[in-house]
Amino acid sequence: MMEGTYKAAKGLIRIKIKTELGCLSEVKISGDFFMYPEDELWKLENTLKGTDISRDKILAKIQKFYRDKKILSPGVTPEDFTEAIIKAVSGNHLL
């Protein structure tokens, strides 16, 4: 499992991922940020499963999730989540 962290304007995002065949196979998101509605975080994790490991594809999927689910996360953007995932993929921290 790989881990990435990213300090957004209003919180720290921690990502733990597994990859398989160039795609995200497991995604766990935690940190000290707020997301409304709160129970959507695990749905974002599930939405990301199977996504190609590409900054553009990950960002597009998170942006679509935000639009479709009307997500609010003050001070934390889809770009911030994407950066945390890319840091994990690039092997900044291995567990």
C-alpha atoms as a PDB file:
ATOM      1  CA  MET A   1       0.000   0.000   0.000  1.00  0.00           C
ATOM      2  CA  MET A   2       1.275   3.473  -0.869  1.00  0.00           C
ATOM      3  CA  GLU A   3       0.576   6.688   0.994  1.00  0.00           C
ATOM      4  CA  GLY A   4       0.529  10.330   0.014  1.00  0.00           C
ATOM      5  CA  THR A   5      -0.187  13.469   1.985  1.00  0.00           C
ATOM      6  CA  TYR A   6      -0.971  16.950   0.786  1.00  0.00           C
ATOM      7  CA  LYS A   7      -1.534  20.155   2.730  1.00  0.00           C
ATOM      8  CA  ALA A   8      -4.494  22.015   1.216  1.00  0.00           C
ATOM      9  CA  ALA A   9      -5.467  25.559   2.191  1.00  0.00           C
ATOM     10  CA  LYS A  10      -7.808  24.337   4.951  1.00  0.00           C
ATOM     11  CA  GLY A  11      -6.681  20.835   5.808  1.00  0.00           C
ATOM     12  CA  LEU A  12      -4.329  17.929   5.427  1.00  0.00           C
ATOM     13  CA  ILE A  13      -5.337  15.119   3.076  1.00  0.00           C
ATOM     14  CA  ARG A  14      -3.980  11.596   3.613  1.00  0.00           C
ATOM     15  CA  ILE A  15      -4.360   9.021   0.867  1.00  0.00           C
ATOM     16  CA  LYS A  16      -3.629   5.299   1.009  1.00  0.00           C
ATOM     17  CA  ILE A  17      -3.840   3.446  -2.271  1.00  0.00           C
ATOM     18  CA  LYS A  18      -3.184   0.186  -4.000  1.00  0.00           C
ATOM     19  CA  THR A  19      -2.736  -0.048  -7.741  1.00  0.00           C
ATOM     20  CA  GLU A  20      -3.212  -2.845 -10.212  1.00  0.00           C
ATOM     21  CA  LEU A  21      -2.504  -2.821 -13.948  1.00  0.00           C
ATOM     22  CA  GLY A  22      -2.135   0.969 -14.073  1.00  0.00           C
ATOM     23  CA  CYS A  23      -5.371   1.684 -12.197  1.00  0.00           C
ATOM     24  CA  LEU A  24      -6.362   2.551  -8.644  1.00  0.00           C
ATOM     25  CA  SER A  25      -7.611  -0.643  -7.024  1.00  0.00           C
ATOM     26  CA  GLU A  26      -8.059   0.554  -3.429  1.00  0.00           C
ATOM     27  CA  VAL A  27      -8.398   4.110  -2.127  1.00  0.00           C
ATOM     28  CA  LYS A  28      -8.658   5.285   1.493  1.00  0.00           C
ATOM     29  CA  ILE A  29      -8.981   9.010   2.193  1.00  0.00           C
ATOM     30  CA  SER A  30      -8.576  10.624   5.599  1.00  0.00           C
ATOM     31  CA  GLY A  31      -7.318  13.870   7.052  1.00  0.00           C
ATOM     32  CA  ASP A  32      -8.356  16.989   8.894  1.00  0.00           C
ATOM     33  CA  PHE A  33     -10.684  18.569   6.336  1.00  0.00           C
ATOM     34  CA  PHE A  34     -14.452  18.962   6.114  1.00  0.00           C
ATOM     35  CA  MET A  35     -16.650  17.526   3.384  1.00  0.00           C
ATOM     36  CA  TYR A  36     -20.383  18.028   3.107  1.00  0.00           C
ATOM     37  CA  PRO A  37     -22.368  15.873   2.968  1.00  0.00           C
ATOM     38  CA  GLU A  38     -20.031  13.974   5.278  1.00  0.00           C
ATOM     39  CA  ASP A  39     -21.142  10.484   4.274  1.00  0.00           C
ATOM     40  CA  GLU A  40     -20.015  11.005   0.666  1.00  0.00           C
ATOM     41  CA  LEU A  41     -16.294  10.487   1.399  1.00  0.00           C
ATOM     42  CA  TRP A  42     -16.483   6.687   1.189  1.00  0.00           C
ATOM     43  CA  LYS A  43     -18.446   7.049  -2.053  1.00  0.00           C
ATOM     44  CA  LEU A  44     -15.604   9.142  -3.485  1.00  0.00           C
ATOM     45  CA  GLU A  45     -13.184   6.352  -2.534  1.00  0.00           C
ATOM     46  CA  ASN A  46     -15.357   3.815  -4.398  1.00  0.00           C
ATOM     47  CA  THR A  47     -15.762   6.147  -7.380  1.00  0.00           C
ATOM     48  CA  LEU A  48     -11.987   6.330  -7.802  1.00  0.00           C
ATOM     49  CA  LYS A  49     -11.508   2.558  -7.936  1.00  0.00           C
ATOM     50  CA  GLY A  50     -10.624   1.470 -11.449  1.00  0.00           C
ATOM     51  CA  THR A  51      -9.472   4.942 -12.512  1.00  0.00           C
ATOM     52  CA  ASP A  52      -6.365   5.067 -14.691  1.00  0.00           C
ATOM     53  CA  ILE A  53      -3.346   6.483 -12.889  1.00  0.00           C
ATOM     54  CA  SER A  54      -3.324   9.756 -14.767  1.00  0.00           C
ATOM     55  CA  ARG A  55      -3.547  13.212 -13.195  1.00  0.00           C
ATOM     56  CA  ASP A  56      -6.116  14.318 -15.802  1.00  0.00           C
ATOM     57  CA  LYS A  57      -8.346  11.253 -15.427  1.00  0.00           C
ATOM     58  CA  ILE A  58      -8.245  11.330 -11.627  1.00  0.00           C
ATOM     59  CA  LEU A  59      -9.022  15.059 -11.543  1.00  0.00           C
ATOM     60  CA  ALA A  60     -11.868  14.701 -14.062  1.00  0.00           C
ATOM     61  CA  LYS A  61     -13.449  11.903 -12.028  1.00  0.00           C
ATOM     62  CA  ILE A  62     -13.215  13.887  -8.764  1.00  0.00           C
ATOM     63  CA  GLN A  63     -14.595  17.048 -10.402  1.00  0.00           C
ATOM     64  CA  LYS A  64     -17.533  15.081 -11.833  1.00  0.00           C
ATOM     65  CA  PHE A  65     -18.181  13.560  -8.386  1.00  0.00           C
ATOM     66  CA  TYR A  66     -18.214  17.050  -6.823  1.00  0.00           C
ATOM     67  CA  ARG A  67     -20.683  18.306  -9.449  1.00  0.00           C
ATOM     68  CA  ASP A  68     -22.978  15.274  -9.353  1.00  0.00           C
ATOM     69  CA  LYS A  69     -23.094  15.014  -5.563  1.00  0.00           C
ATOM     70  CA  LYS A  70     -23.014  18.786  -4.904  1.00  0.00           C
ATOM     71  CA  ILE A  71     -19.990  18.364  -2.617  1.00  0.00           C
ATOM     72  CA  LEU A  72     -18.724  21.236  -0.487  1.00  0.00           C
ATOM     73  CA  SER A  73     -15.262  21.029   1.070  1.00  0.00           C
ATOM     74  CA  PRO A  74     -14.215  24.481   2.281  1.00  0.00           C
ATOM     75  CA  GLY A  75     -10.556  25.142   1.490  1.00  0.00           C
ATOM     76  CA  VAL A  76     -10.051  21.707  -0.108  1.00  0.00           C
ATOM     77  CA  THR A  77     -10.520  21.257  -3.860  1.00  0.00           C
ATOM     78  CA  PRO A  78     -10.650  18.336  -6.284  1.00  0.00           C
ATOM     79  CA  GLU A  79      -7.167  19.448  -7.363  1.00  0.00           C
ATOM     80  CA  ASP A  80      -5.934  18.961  -3.779  1.00  0.00           C
ATOM     81  CA  PHE A  81      -7.260  15.391  -3.643  1.00  0.00           C
ATOM     82  CA  THR A  82      -5.678  14.722  -7.023  1.00  0.00           C
ATOM     83  CA  GLU A  83      -2.306  16.005  -5.835  1.00  0.00           C
ATOM     84  CA  ALA A  84      -2.426  13.741  -2.764  1.00  0.00           C
ATOM     85  CA  ILE A  85      -3.205  10.723  -4.961  1.00  0.00           C
ATOM     86  CA  ILE A  86      -0.400  11.564  -7.394  1.00  0.00           C
ATOM     87  CA  LYS A  87       2.025  11.877  -4.477  1.00  0.00           C
ATOM     88  CA  ALA A  88       1.014   8.400  -3.308  1.00  0.00           C
ATOM     89  CA  VAL A  89       1.352   6.939  -6.803  1.00  0.00           C
ATOM     90  CA  SER A  90       4.766   8.491  -7.283  1.00  0.00           C
ATOM     91  CA  GLY A  91       5.940   6.621  -4.213  1.00  0.00           C
ATOM     92  CA  ASN A  92       6.566   9.460  -1.777  1.00  0.00           C
ATOM     93  CA  HIS A  93       5.659   7.141   1.099  1.00  0.00           C
ATOM     94  CA  LEU A  94       5.392   3.360   1.067  1.00  0.00           C
ATOM     95  CA  LEU A  95       3.663   1.461   3.871  1.00  0.00           C
END
